[in-house]
Protein backbone atom coordinates (compact mmCIF):
# COMPACT_ATOMS: atom_id res chain seq x y z
CA UNK A 1 -125.90 71.92 135.29
CA UNK A 2 -122.58 71.28 134.64
CA UNK A 3 -121.29 67.55 134.55
CA UNK A 4 -118.94 67.39 137.63
CA UNK A 5 -117.74 64.06 138.82
CA UNK A 6 -118.64 63.31 142.78
CA UNK A 7 -115.62 63.73 145.46
CA UNK A 8 -113.90 60.49 145.87
CA UNK A 9 -114.64 59.13 149.61
CA UNK A 10 -111.40 60.31 151.59
CA UNK A 11 -109.83 56.92 153.24
CA UNK A 12 -109.98 56.81 157.07
CA UNK A 13 -106.57 57.62 158.76
CA UNK A 14 -104.32 54.62 159.28
CA UNK A 15 -103.12 53.83 163.02
CA UNK A 16 -99.88 54.06 164.00
CA UNK A 17 -100.12 50.98 166.40
CA UNK A 18 -101.36 48.75 163.81
CA UNK A 19 -98.32 47.90 160.94
CA UNK A 20 -99.25 48.63 157.46
CA UNK A 21 -99.89 45.08 156.18
CA UNK A 22 -102.20 44.28 158.69
CA UNK A 23 -104.22 47.74 157.84
CA UNK A 24 -104.34 46.85 154.30
CA UNK A 25 -105.40 43.00 155.03
CA UNK A 26 -108.17 43.81 158.09
CA UNK A 27 -109.35 46.89 158.34
CA UNK A 28 -110.45 47.92 154.52
CA UNK A 29 -114.29 47.36 154.39
CA UNK A 30 -115.54 44.90 152.37
CA UNK A 31 -118.65 45.60 149.73
CA UNK A 32 -120.80 43.41 148.05
CA UNK A 33 -121.25 43.42 144.78
CA UNK A 34 -124.93 44.40 145.15
CA UNK A 35 -124.09 47.06 147.75
CA UNK A 36 -121.46 48.79 146.00
CA UNK A 37 -124.22 48.82 143.11
CA UNK A 38 -126.61 50.43 145.13
CA UNK A 39 -123.80 53.00 146.59
CA UNK A 40 -123.12 54.32 142.98
CA UNK A 41 -126.52 54.55 142.20
CA UNK A 42 -127.46 56.33 145.11
CA UNK A 43 -123.90 58.67 144.47
CA UNK A 44 -125.08 59.43 141.06
CA UNK A 45 -128.96 60.29 141.37
CA UNK A 46 -128.10 62.80 144.76
CA UNK A 47 -125.41 64.37 141.98
CA UNK A 48 -126.93 64.62 138.77
CA UNK A 49 -130.58 64.14 139.91
CA UNK A 50 -131.85 66.47 136.87
CA UNK A 51 -129.87 66.99 133.92
CA UNK A 52 -130.74 68.26 129.94
CA UNK A 53 -128.29 66.79 127.66
CA UNK A 54 -127.64 67.77 123.83
CA UNK A 55 -126.62 64.79 121.55
CA UNK A 56 -127.66 62.73 118.37
CA UNK A 57 -129.89 59.76 118.40
CA UNK A 58 -128.15 56.40 117.62
CA UNK A 59 -129.33 53.22 117.90
CA UNK A 60 -132.98 53.58 117.70
CA UNK A 61 -134.89 50.47 116.31
CA UNK A 62 -138.56 51.51 117.28
CA UNK A 63 -140.19 51.12 120.45
CA UNK A 64 -139.59 47.98 122.23
CA UNK A 65 -142.28 45.39 122.60
CA UNK A 66 -142.99 46.18 126.36
CA UNK A 67 -143.67 49.92 125.35
CA UNK A 68 -140.68 51.33 126.18
CA UNK A 69 -137.98 53.18 124.13
CA UNK A 70 -133.92 52.24 124.32
CA UNK A 71 -131.32 54.19 122.61
CA UNK A 72 -128.39 56.15 122.90
CA UNK A 73 -127.05 60.20 122.82
CA UNK A 74 -124.14 60.65 121.29
CA UNK A 75 -121.68 63.38 120.33
CA UNK A 76 -117.87 63.33 118.94
CA UNK A 77 -116.66 62.86 122.32
CA UNK A 78 -118.96 60.36 123.96
CA UNK A 79 -122.01 58.39 124.50
CA UNK A 80 -124.68 57.43 127.03
CA UNK A 81 -127.25 55.23 126.97
CA UNK A 82 -130.57 56.32 127.00
CA UNK A 83 -134.19 54.96 128.00
CA UNK A 84 -138.01 56.31 127.59
CA UNK A 85 -140.13 54.55 129.56
CA UNK A 86 -143.92 53.56 128.17
CA UNK A 87 -145.57 56.37 130.20
CA UNK A 88 -143.59 58.90 129.30
CA UNK A 89 -143.16 57.65 125.25
CA UNK A 90 -146.67 58.46 124.65
CA UNK A 91 -146.84 62.15 126.18
CA UNK A 92 -143.65 63.12 124.33
CA UNK A 93 -143.70 65.67 121.79
CA UNK A 94 -141.09 64.54 119.66
CA UNK A 95 -140.84 61.10 119.56
CA UNK A 96 -136.95 60.07 119.04
CA UNK A 97 -135.67 59.38 115.31
CA UNK A 98 -132.20 58.12 114.29
CA UNK A 99 -130.14 60.96 113.36
CA UNK A 100 -131.75 63.83 114.91
CA UNK A 101 -130.22 66.07 117.60
CA UNK A 102 -132.35 66.52 120.28
CA UNK A 103 -131.90 68.33 123.94
CA UNK A 104 -133.08 65.50 126.69
CA UNK A 105 -134.47 66.24 129.91
CA UNK A 106 -134.06 63.52 132.59
CA UNK A 107 -132.33 61.76 135.82
CA UNK A 108 -128.87 59.89 135.20
CA UNK A 109 -128.79 56.81 137.05
CA UNK A 110 -126.98 53.26 136.76
CA UNK A 111 -127.86 49.53 135.67
CA UNK A 112 -126.57 47.31 137.68
CA UNK A 113 -127.33 44.37 135.40
CA UNK A 114 -124.84 45.75 132.70
CA UNK A 115 -122.41 47.71 135.35
CA UNK A 116 -123.52 50.88 133.12
CA UNK A 117 -124.96 54.47 133.74
CA UNK A 118 -127.89 55.97 131.57
CA UNK A 119 -130.30 58.67 131.39
CA UNK A 120 -134.04 58.50 131.89
CA UNK A 121 -135.81 60.92 129.58
CA UNK A 122 -138.82 62.71 130.73
CA UNK A 123 -139.23 64.99 127.71
CA UNK A 124 -137.47 65.36 124.53
CA UNK A 125 -136.70 68.10 121.84
CA UNK A 126 -135.18 69.19 119.03
CA UNK A 127 -131.72 70.66 119.36
CA UNK A 128 -131.71 74.59 117.31
CA UNK A 129 -134.20 76.45 115.11
CA UNK A 130 -132.63 74.10 111.95
CA UNK A 131 -133.74 70.91 113.67
CA UNK A 132 -137.50 72.17 114.18
CA UNK A 133 -137.44 73.84 110.73
CA UNK A 134 -136.02 70.17 108.97
CA UNK A 135 -138.73 68.21 111.01
CA UNK A 136 -141.16 71.15 110.04
CA UNK A 137 -140.73 70.41 106.23
CA UNK A 138 -140.55 66.34 106.53
CA UNK A 139 -144.03 66.52 108.11
CA UNK A 140 -144.94 68.75 105.41
CA UNK A 141 -144.15 67.01 102.54
CA UNK A 142 -145.35 63.25 104.25
CA UNK A 143 -149.22 65.55 104.81
CA UNK A 144 -148.95 67.06 101.52
CA UNK A 145 -148.29 64.05 99.73
CA UNK A 146 -151.18 62.25 101.73
CA UNK A 147 -153.59 65.17 99.72
CA UNK A 148 -154.40 67.12 103.34
CA UNK A 149 -153.64 70.62 101.41
CA UNK A 150 -154.95 70.41 98.58
CA UNK A 151 -157.66 73.37 97.73
CA UNK A 152 -160.34 71.56 96.72
CA UNK A 153 -160.71 70.24 100.22
CA UNK A 154 -161.11 74.26 101.60
CA UNK A 155 -164.85 75.00 102.25
CA UNK A 156 -166.18 78.79 101.52
CA UNK A 157 -166.61 81.12 104.54
CA UNK A 158 -170.08 82.26 105.15
CA UNK A 159 -170.69 85.87 104.91
CA UNK A 160 -172.68 86.21 108.50
CA UNK A 161 -172.18 83.15 110.41
CA UNK A 162 -174.56 83.22 113.31
CA UNK A 163 -172.40 81.97 116.53
CA UNK A 164 -168.37 81.83 115.61
CA UNK A 165 -166.26 79.55 117.72
CA UNK A 166 -163.09 80.48 119.05
CA UNK A 167 -160.17 77.74 120.00
CA UNK A 168 -157.73 79.83 122.36
CA UNK A 169 -156.16 80.33 125.84
CA UNK A 170 -159.12 82.26 127.92
CA UNK A 171 -156.32 84.20 129.37
CA UNK A 172 -154.63 85.82 127.09
CA UNK A 173 -154.69 88.92 124.62
CA UNK A 174 -155.79 86.94 121.51
CA UNK A 175 -159.73 86.29 122.68
CA UNK A 176 -159.93 90.27 124.00
CA UNK A 177 -158.99 91.46 120.75
CA UNK A 178 -161.05 88.99 118.54
CA UNK A 179 -163.86 89.94 120.92
CA UNK A 180 -163.23 93.88 120.33
CA UNK A 181 -163.45 93.43 116.79
CA UNK A 182 -166.32 91.32 116.55
CA UNK A 183 -168.24 93.92 119.08
CA UNK A 184 -166.85 96.38 116.31
CA UNK A 185 -167.80 95.18 113.17
CA UNK A 186 -170.90 92.95 113.75
CA UNK A 187 -171.94 91.50 116.87
CA UNK A 188 -172.13 88.12 117.51
CA UNK A 189 -172.86 85.39 119.51
CA UNK A 190 -169.08 83.24 120.23
CA UNK A 191 -168.27 80.03 121.89
CA UNK A 192 -165.06 80.09 123.70
CA UNK A 193 -163.60 76.48 123.72
CA UNK A 194 -160.45 77.11 126.41
CA UNK A 195 -156.86 75.33 125.26
CA UNK A 196 -153.88 75.64 126.38
CA UNK A 197 -151.63 77.14 123.04
CA UNK A 198 -148.41 75.98 123.72
CA UNK A 199 -146.31 73.23 126.01
CA UNK A 200 -146.95 69.32 126.38
CA UNK A 201 -150.76 68.70 125.97
CA UNK A 202 -151.55 71.47 124.07
CA UNK A 203 -151.87 70.00 120.53
CA UNK A 204 -154.41 66.85 121.62
CA UNK A 205 -156.40 69.90 124.07
CA UNK A 206 -156.56 71.93 120.50
CA UNK A 207 -157.77 68.85 118.05
CA UNK A 208 -160.39 68.23 120.68
CA UNK A 209 -161.27 71.41 120.81
CA UNK A 210 -161.92 71.41 116.87
CA UNK A 211 -163.59 67.94 116.94
CA UNK A 212 -166.02 69.00 119.94
CA UNK A 213 -167.01 71.86 118.11
CA UNK A 214 -167.78 69.52 115.32
CA UNK A 215 -169.86 66.94 116.88
CA UNK A 216 -171.88 69.79 118.52
CA UNK A 217 -175.35 68.56 117.24
CA UNK A 218 -176.95 71.48 114.93
CA UNK A 219 -180.03 72.14 116.91
CA UNK A 220 -179.02 71.19 120.73
CA UNK A 221 -179.00 73.16 123.51
CA UNK A 222 -175.24 74.52 122.57
CA UNK A 223 -176.06 76.36 119.47
CA UNK A 224 -173.03 74.47 116.99
CA UNK A 225 -170.96 77.41 115.38
CA UNK A 226 -170.78 78.33 112.13
CA UNK A 227 -167.35 78.97 111.52
CA UNK A 228 -164.38 78.39 113.75
CA UNK A 229 -161.81 80.60 114.88
CA UNK A 230 -158.35 79.03 116.12
CA UNK A 231 -156.08 81.33 117.24
CA UNK A 232 -152.85 81.90 118.72
CA UNK A 233 -150.41 85.28 119.38
CA UNK A 234 -146.80 85.19 117.99
CA UNK A 235 -144.04 83.07 119.26
CA UNK A 236 -140.61 81.09 118.35
CA UNK A 237 -141.01 78.07 116.47
CA UNK A 238 -141.09 76.05 119.82
CA UNK A 239 -143.89 78.22 121.21
CA UNK A 240 -146.07 77.64 117.94
CA UNK A 241 -145.01 74.20 117.66
CA UNK A 242 -148.55 72.34 118.47
CA UNK A 243 -150.06 74.03 115.88
CA UNK A 244 -147.80 72.06 113.01
CA UNK A 245 -148.37 68.65 115.42
CA UNK A 246 -150.07 65.61 112.88
CA UNK A 247 -153.27 65.51 115.29
CA UNK A 248 -154.23 69.14 114.90
CA UNK A 249 -153.61 69.60 111.07
CA UNK A 250 -155.77 65.88 110.85
CA UNK A 251 -158.69 67.31 113.04
CA UNK A 252 -158.76 70.87 111.18
CA UNK A 253 -158.79 68.55 108.06
CA UNK A 254 -161.66 66.66 109.09
CA UNK A 255 -163.46 69.47 110.04
CA UNK A 256 -167.20 70.30 108.51
CA UNK A 257 -167.01 73.60 109.94
CA UNK A 258 -164.98 75.68 107.92
CA UNK A 259 -162.16 77.11 109.88
CA UNK A 260 -160.16 80.13 109.43
CA UNK A 261 -156.88 80.15 111.47
CA UNK A 262 -155.13 83.17 112.69
CA UNK A 263 -151.99 81.32 114.37
CA UNK A 264 -149.08 84.23 115.16
CA UNK A 265 -148.04 87.47 113.30
CA UNK A 266 -147.95 87.62 109.27
CA UNK A 267 -144.68 86.14 109.27
CA UNK A 268 -144.83 82.89 111.07
CA UNK A 269 -146.31 80.03 109.19
CA UNK A 270 -147.62 76.70 110.89
CA UNK A 271 -149.17 73.62 109.12
CA UNK A 272 -152.28 74.63 110.37
CA UNK A 273 -152.61 77.44 107.85
CA UNK A 274 -151.67 75.15 105.14
CA UNK A 275 -154.83 72.74 105.64
CA UNK A 276 -157.50 75.63 107.13
CA UNK A 277 -160.10 76.95 104.91
CA UNK A 278 -158.68 80.40 105.50
CA UNK A 279 -155.51 81.55 106.88
CA UNK A 280 -155.41 85.29 108.63
CA UNK A 281 -152.39 87.18 109.53
CA UNK A 282 -153.20 87.90 112.84
CA UNK A 283 -156.04 87.16 115.36
CA UNK A 284 -157.45 90.54 114.66
CA UNK A 285 -157.56 89.65 110.82
CA UNK A 286 -159.31 86.24 111.45
CA UNK A 287 -162.22 88.59 113.39
CA UNK A 288 -162.45 90.45 110.31
CA UNK A 289 -162.85 87.77 107.87
CA UNK A 290 -165.64 85.98 110.10
CA UNK A 291 -168.01 89.04 109.71
CA UNK A 292 -168.71 92.04 107.52
CA UNK A 293 -168.65 96.08 108.93
CA UNK A 294 -172.85 96.21 110.35
CA UNK A 295 -172.32 100.08 109.24
CA UNK A 296 -171.07 99.10 105.67
CA UNK A 297 -173.94 96.77 105.28
CA UNK A 298 -176.69 98.86 106.60
CA UNK A 299 -175.01 101.69 103.98
CA UNK A 300 -175.11 98.95 101.19
CA UNK A 301 -178.75 97.92 101.45
CA UNK A 302 -179.78 101.75 102.05
CA UNK A 303 -177.63 102.31 98.58
CA UNK A 304 -179.11 99.18 96.78
CA UNK A 305 -183.03 100.13 98.05
CA UNK A 306 -182.64 103.84 96.51
CA UNK A 307 -181.22 102.61 93.48
CA UNK A 308 -183.88 99.58 93.45
CA UNK A 309 -186.74 102.05 93.86
CA UNK A 310 -185.50 104.75 91.16
CA UNK A 311 -184.73 101.86 89.00
CA UNK A 312 -188.43 100.80 89.50
CA UNK A 313 -189.61 104.45 88.78
CA UNK A 314 -187.79 104.70 85.72
CA UNK A 315 -189.36 101.47 84.39
CA UNK A 316 -193.02 102.69 85.26
CA UNK A 317 -192.90 106.17 83.42
CA UNK A 318 -191.14 104.54 80.49
CA UNK A 319 -193.43 101.93 80.29
CA UNK A 320 -196.62 104.61 80.90
CA UNK A 321 -194.61 106.58 77.76
CA UNK A 322 -194.81 103.31 75.66
CA UNK A 323 -198.86 102.73 76.08
CA UNK A 324 -199.68 106.19 75.65
CA UNK A 325 -197.53 105.51 72.28
CA UNK A 326 -199.46 102.57 71.56
CA UNK A 327 -202.74 103.64 71.78
CA UNK A 328 -201.87 106.57 69.68
CA UNK A 329 -201.37 103.96 67.41
CA UNK A 330 -204.12 102.30 67.75
CA UNK A 331 -207.37 102.29 65.28
CA UNK A 332 -210.87 103.96 66.00
CA UNK A 333 -213.71 101.22 67.04
CA UNK A 334 -215.70 102.37 64.34
CA UNK A 335 -212.69 102.22 61.65
CA UNK A 336 -212.01 98.29 62.94
CA UNK A 337 -216.27 97.27 62.67
CA UNK A 338 -216.60 98.69 59.18
CA UNK A 339 -214.76 96.05 57.06
CA UNK A 340 -216.88 93.55 59.00
CA UNK A 341 -219.98 95.43 58.75
CA UNK A 342 -219.62 95.37 54.90
CA UNK A 343 -218.69 91.55 54.41
CA UNK A 344 -221.45 90.37 56.63
CA UNK A 345 -223.87 93.01 54.48
CA UNK A 346 -222.49 91.58 51.15
CA UNK A 347 -222.62 87.90 52.57
CA UNK A 348 -226.23 88.23 53.34
CA UNK A 349 -226.83 89.42 49.88
CA UNK A 350 -225.46 86.17 48.24
CA UNK A 351 -227.51 83.77 50.90
CA UNK A 352 -230.55 83.67 49.42
CA UNK A 353 -229.78 82.56 45.48
CA UNK A 354 -227.49 80.10 46.98
CA UNK A 355 -230.21 78.67 49.30
CA UNK A 356 -232.28 78.37 46.11
CA UNK A 357 -229.64 76.77 43.95
CA UNK A 358 -228.81 74.34 47.06
CA UNK A 359 -232.71 73.25 47.13
CA UNK A 360 -232.54 72.81 43.04
CA UNK A 361 -229.63 70.17 43.43
CA UNK A 362 -231.14 68.30 45.79
CA UNK A 363 -234.67 68.25 44.28
CA UNK A 364 -233.04 66.83 41.27
CA UNK A 365 -231.44 63.97 43.12
CA UNK A 366 -234.18 63.07 44.95
CA UNK A 367 -235.91 62.45 41.86
CA UNK A 368 -233.39 60.63 40.20
CA UNK A 369 -233.27 58.24 43.04
CA UNK A 370 -236.79 57.82 42.96
CA UNK A 371 -236.44 56.57 39.72
CA UNK A 372 -234.09 54.11 40.29
CA UNK A 373 -236.45 52.72 42.87
CA UNK A 374 -239.69 52.42 40.75
CA UNK A 375 -237.05 50.74 38.24
CA UNK A 376 -235.46 48.13 41.26
CA UNK A 377 -238.67 47.84 43.43
CA UNK A 378 -238.23 45.85 46.95
CA UNK A 379 -241.17 43.46 46.19
CA UNK A 380 -239.39 42.50 42.52
CA UNK A 381 -236.32 41.15 43.88
CA UNK A 382 -237.65 39.14 46.79
CA UNK A 383 -239.82 37.99 44.47
CA UNK A 384 -236.18 36.95 42.11
CA UNK A 385 -234.67 35.81 45.74
CA UNK A 386 -237.90 33.58 46.61
CA UNK A 387 -237.09 31.53 43.18
CA UNK A 388 -233.86 31.06 43.48
CA UNK A 389 -234.34 29.38 46.81
CA UNK A 390 -237.16 27.23 45.35
CA UNK A 391 -234.41 26.19 42.65
CA UNK A 392 -231.85 25.37 45.22
CA UNK A 393 -233.74 23.61 47.95
CA UNK A 394 -233.73 20.12 46.33
CA UNK A 395 -229.97 20.43 45.58
CA UNK A 396 -229.48 19.93 49.14
CA UNK A 397 -231.23 16.79 50.24
CA UNK A 398 -229.72 15.31 47.07
CA UNK A 399 -226.29 15.92 47.99
CA UNK A 400 -226.94 15.26 51.82
CA UNK A 401 -228.09 11.14 50.26
CA UNK A 402 -224.76 11.12 48.52
CA UNK A 403 -222.17 12.34 51.06
CA UNK A 404 -223.92 9.55 53.59
CA UNK A 405 -223.90 6.62 50.72
CA UNK A 406 -220.33 7.77 50.39
CA UNK A 407 -219.61 7.65 54.34
CA UNK A 408 -220.99 4.34 54.44
CA UNK A 409 -219.09 2.63 51.85
CA UNK A 410 -215.89 3.99 53.48
CA UNK A 411 -216.57 2.47 57.18
CA UNK A 412 -217.67 -0.63 55.30
CA UNK A 413 -213.85 -0.59 53.66
CA UNK A 414 -212.58 0.08 56.93
CA UNK A 415 -214.37 -3.26 58.25
CA UNK A 416 -213.03 -5.50 55.81
CA UNK A 417 -209.68 -3.87 56.53
CA UNK A 418 -210.04 -4.13 59.82
CA UNK A 419 -210.97 -7.59 59.80
CA UNK A 420 -208.47 -8.70 57.84
CA UNK A 421 -206.00 -7.09 59.77
CA UNK A 422 -207.04 -8.96 62.99
CA UNK A 423 -206.31 -12.61 60.97
CA UNK A 424 -203.06 -11.65 60.00
CA UNK A 425 -202.49 -10.79 63.80
CA UNK A 426 -203.75 -13.60 65.38
CA UNK A 427 -201.74 -15.63 63.04
CA UNK A 428 -198.36 -13.77 64.04
CA UNK A 429 -199.33 -13.93 67.43
CA UNK A 430 -199.72 -18.14 67.32
CA UNK A 431 -196.33 -18.14 65.52
CA UNK A 432 -194.18 -15.77 67.75
CA UNK A 433 -195.92 -17.99 70.72
CA UNK A 434 -194.91 -21.56 68.67
CA UNK A 435 -191.70 -20.15 69.18
CA UNK A 436 -191.31 -18.90 72.24
CA UNK A 437 -192.39 -22.08 73.70
CA UNK A 438 -189.98 -24.46 71.60
CA UNK A 439 -187.36 -21.94 72.96
CA UNK A 440 -188.24 -22.57 76.78
CA UNK A 441 -188.47 -26.03 76.22
CA UNK A 442 -184.73 -26.28 74.99
CA UNK A 443 -183.53 -23.96 77.66
CA UNK A 444 -185.55 -25.69 80.47
CA UNK A 445 -183.67 -29.11 79.39
CA UNK A 446 -180.11 -27.52 79.39
CA UNK A 447 -181.17 -25.96 82.80
CA UNK A 448 -182.01 -29.76 84.11
CA UNK A 449 -178.53 -30.77 82.36
CA UNK A 450 -176.53 -27.73 84.03
CA UNK A 451 -178.43 -28.95 87.37
CA UNK A 452 -176.96 -32.32 87.29
CA UNK A 453 -173.92 -31.96 85.68
CA UNK A 454 -173.25 -28.68 88.66
CA UNK A 455 -174.31 -31.82 91.55
CA UNK A 456 -171.99 -34.23 90.34
CA UNK A 457 -169.19 -31.77 90.31
CA UNK A 458 -170.15 -30.74 93.91
CA UNK A 459 -169.96 -34.42 95.28
CA UNK A 460 -166.68 -35.04 93.69
CA UNK A 461 -165.19 -32.11 95.28
CA UNK A 462 -167.13 -33.38 99.17
CA UNK A 463 -165.52 -36.22 98.45
CA UNK A 464 -162.55 -34.92 98.07
CA UNK A 465 -162.09 -32.98 100.91
CA UNK A 466 -163.39 -35.34 103.13
CA UNK A 467 -160.83 -37.51 102.39
CA UNK A 468 -158.38 -34.73 102.81
CA UNK A 469 -160.13 -34.36 106.34
CA UNK A 470 -159.28 -37.60 107.38
CA UNK A 471 -156.07 -37.79 106.16
CA UNK A 472 -155.51 -34.45 108.18
CA UNK A 473 -157.28 -34.92 111.23
CA UNK A 474 -156.14 -36.42 114.60
CA UNK A 475 -158.28 -39.30 114.96
CA UNK A 476 -156.44 -41.19 112.22
CA UNK A 477 -153.40 -41.06 114.14
CA UNK A 478 -155.50 -42.31 117.16
CA UNK A 479 -156.06 -44.81 114.88
CA UNK A 480 -152.41 -45.94 114.39
CA UNK A 481 -152.25 -46.11 118.15
CA UNK A 482 -151.35 -42.80 119.88
CA UNK A 483 -153.08 -41.00 122.41
CA UNK A 484 -154.27 -37.55 123.42
CA UNK A 485 -153.53 -36.27 126.68
CA UNK A 486 -156.09 -33.41 128.04
CA UNK A 487 -156.49 -31.62 131.10
CA UNK A 488 -159.33 -31.05 133.37
CA UNK A 489 -160.81 -28.36 131.29
CA UNK A 490 -160.39 -30.12 127.97
CA UNK A 491 -157.09 -28.27 126.72
CA UNK A 492 -154.68 -30.43 124.97
CA UNK A 493 -151.14 -31.35 126.70
CA UNK A 494 -147.95 -31.11 124.54
CA UNK A 495 -145.29 -31.40 127.66
CA UNK A 496 -144.48 -33.32 130.64
CA UNK A 497 -144.10 -30.59 132.85
CA UNK A 498 -148.20 -29.73 131.92
CA UNK A 499 -149.16 -33.12 132.75
CA UNK A 500 -147.26 -32.94 135.73
CA UNK A 501 -149.19 -29.65 136.97
CA UNK A 502 -152.44 -30.25 135.98
CA UNK A 503 -155.01 -31.98 138.72
CA UNK A 504 -156.10 -34.50 136.19
CA UNK A 505 -155.31 -36.24 132.53
CA UNK A 506 -157.80 -37.75 130.09
CA UNK A 507 -156.25 -40.22 127.72
CA UNK A 508 -158.15 -39.90 124.31
CA UNK A 509 -158.15 -43.31 122.19
CA UNK A 510 -159.20 -44.05 119.12
CA UNK A 511 -162.14 -46.51 120.66
CA UNK A 512 -162.66 -44.01 124.06
CA UNK A 513 -161.76 -41.88 126.63
CA UNK A 514 -159.65 -43.18 130.05
CA UNK A 515 -159.54 -41.01 132.92
CA UNK A 516 -155.92 -40.59 135.32
CA UNK A 517 -154.25 -39.03 138.07
CA UNK A 518 -150.44 -37.83 137.48
CA UNK A 519 -148.48 -39.29 139.56
CA UNK A 520 -146.17 -36.44 141.40
CA UNK A 521 -142.90 -37.88 143.18
CA UNK A 522 -141.23 -36.28 146.31
CA UNK A 523 -138.40 -35.63 143.96
CA UNK A 524 -138.42 -33.94 140.32
CA UNK A 525 -137.02 -36.45 137.99
CA UNK A 526 -134.59 -35.41 135.35
CA UNK A 527 -136.07 -36.11 131.87
CA UNK A 528 -133.37 -36.49 128.76
CA UNK A 529 -134.47 -36.68 125.75
CA UNK A 530 -133.65 -39.38 123.28
CA UNK A 531 -130.98 -38.03 120.78
CA UNK A 532 -131.71 -38.48 117.00
CA UNK A 533 -129.46 -41.06 115.67
CA UNK A 534 -127.23 -38.74 113.39
CA UNK A 535 -128.31 -39.11 109.47
CA UNK A 536 -126.50 -41.22 107.05
CA UNK A 537 -126.30 -40.80 103.48
CA UNK A 538 -127.00 -44.06 101.64
CA UNK A 539 -124.86 -45.36 99.14
CA UNK A 540 -125.82 -47.08 95.73
CA UNK A 541 -124.33 -49.89 97.29
CA UNK A 542 -126.91 -50.20 100.20
CA UNK A 543 -129.76 -53.07 99.95
């Protein structure tokens, strides 16, 4: 809508009966500042209720603490303030950025507090393909720096998934192409998560669908897909922008289920293509990547079965021929046993002479043993041992008696040494006791003398303190003729006013206490203090 200023209100016609000065002074309506601001606001909002502005964002310093966003839109000729309320800011597909050229859709209003007009933005879009591509490249570099596009994160696509999950619009031609292609190649159960594929909220729905499929339990009531296909038909970069949003890219990166992206045509490229495990040029191509051709698999299996049967038959024929050759090469059983039988006959012939020779050798060895036994019979060895035992029998008793005498002499010697040591120890103990007794006597005498000196010192100090107390005590002053005046409670009085105010008085002299009542005259008596005589310095000639 073109920005055309509203028509200025026409002034009311002037009456010919009233002087012009009176008209200017009294008939002109008076406006308050608030009424004028409200009227201007209403006029501006009615005239420009909905506008689209193209300009460059300026003065954007981030979201305000209240959640609102404040900035300006400018071009080479003018500048207008802009505001995005908190609830709208969270739904913006394109967030404000300093220096970005955008197309803002909203309504024009005024702000009476600053006497200015502004645009309240409802939606924000980049202005032109160049801005879209610049924003896309900036986002691609940011996500690539985080490692989301690294090839090592990609997962292999299952050869034959049991269930295929599809994230796309349920009303478009894309889902029909995918289902038709899957039916032609290899029919598989398909779960469709319906989403919007363009416009506000489309990116959030696609990301929620990917995370929703991954959140399904593996053995739950709803089967969890083994493969995901995110698909959309072709369109402009603005139409495909939902698949460039950061939330969709991160959801595809975090997907545990392998994911095929089939967004747009072969020439269209979105950020989800960089993070998906496989990119398909079209949604139909994604269906072809998801499952193999069932007829080709059947033909391949049949061919492999035929090849396997032929290989087994050829192996059996080859093994059978090898067995026949080995059988022909083996000797006859009689030929194998002939050599063994001959060796057995030869061993049998050598056995009888060998047994006779062995018996003769053992007989000679036995006779030699008998001869040695006859020369050294056990009876003779026993008699010799008994004689030797008799010879050494008395040696043990003699040795025992000698050992007993030696031990007795040793014990006696130890007794004598013990007696001598006991006497010497007693003598040393008596000497130590005498020395300690002498030291105790000396210490006792010193203690008595120290006590006497301490008592005398304390007595002298007590006498000195008593003298000092007597000289400082008020009783010594009473002995010189003075009296101590107290009130009825026994508190000493130092001023005449206190004495007149007391109910009763007590006068303490050196020899006793006299009770008195203060004389209270009708008129107050004026008391004067006697002036002290002026001090005069004496001279050496005063006598």
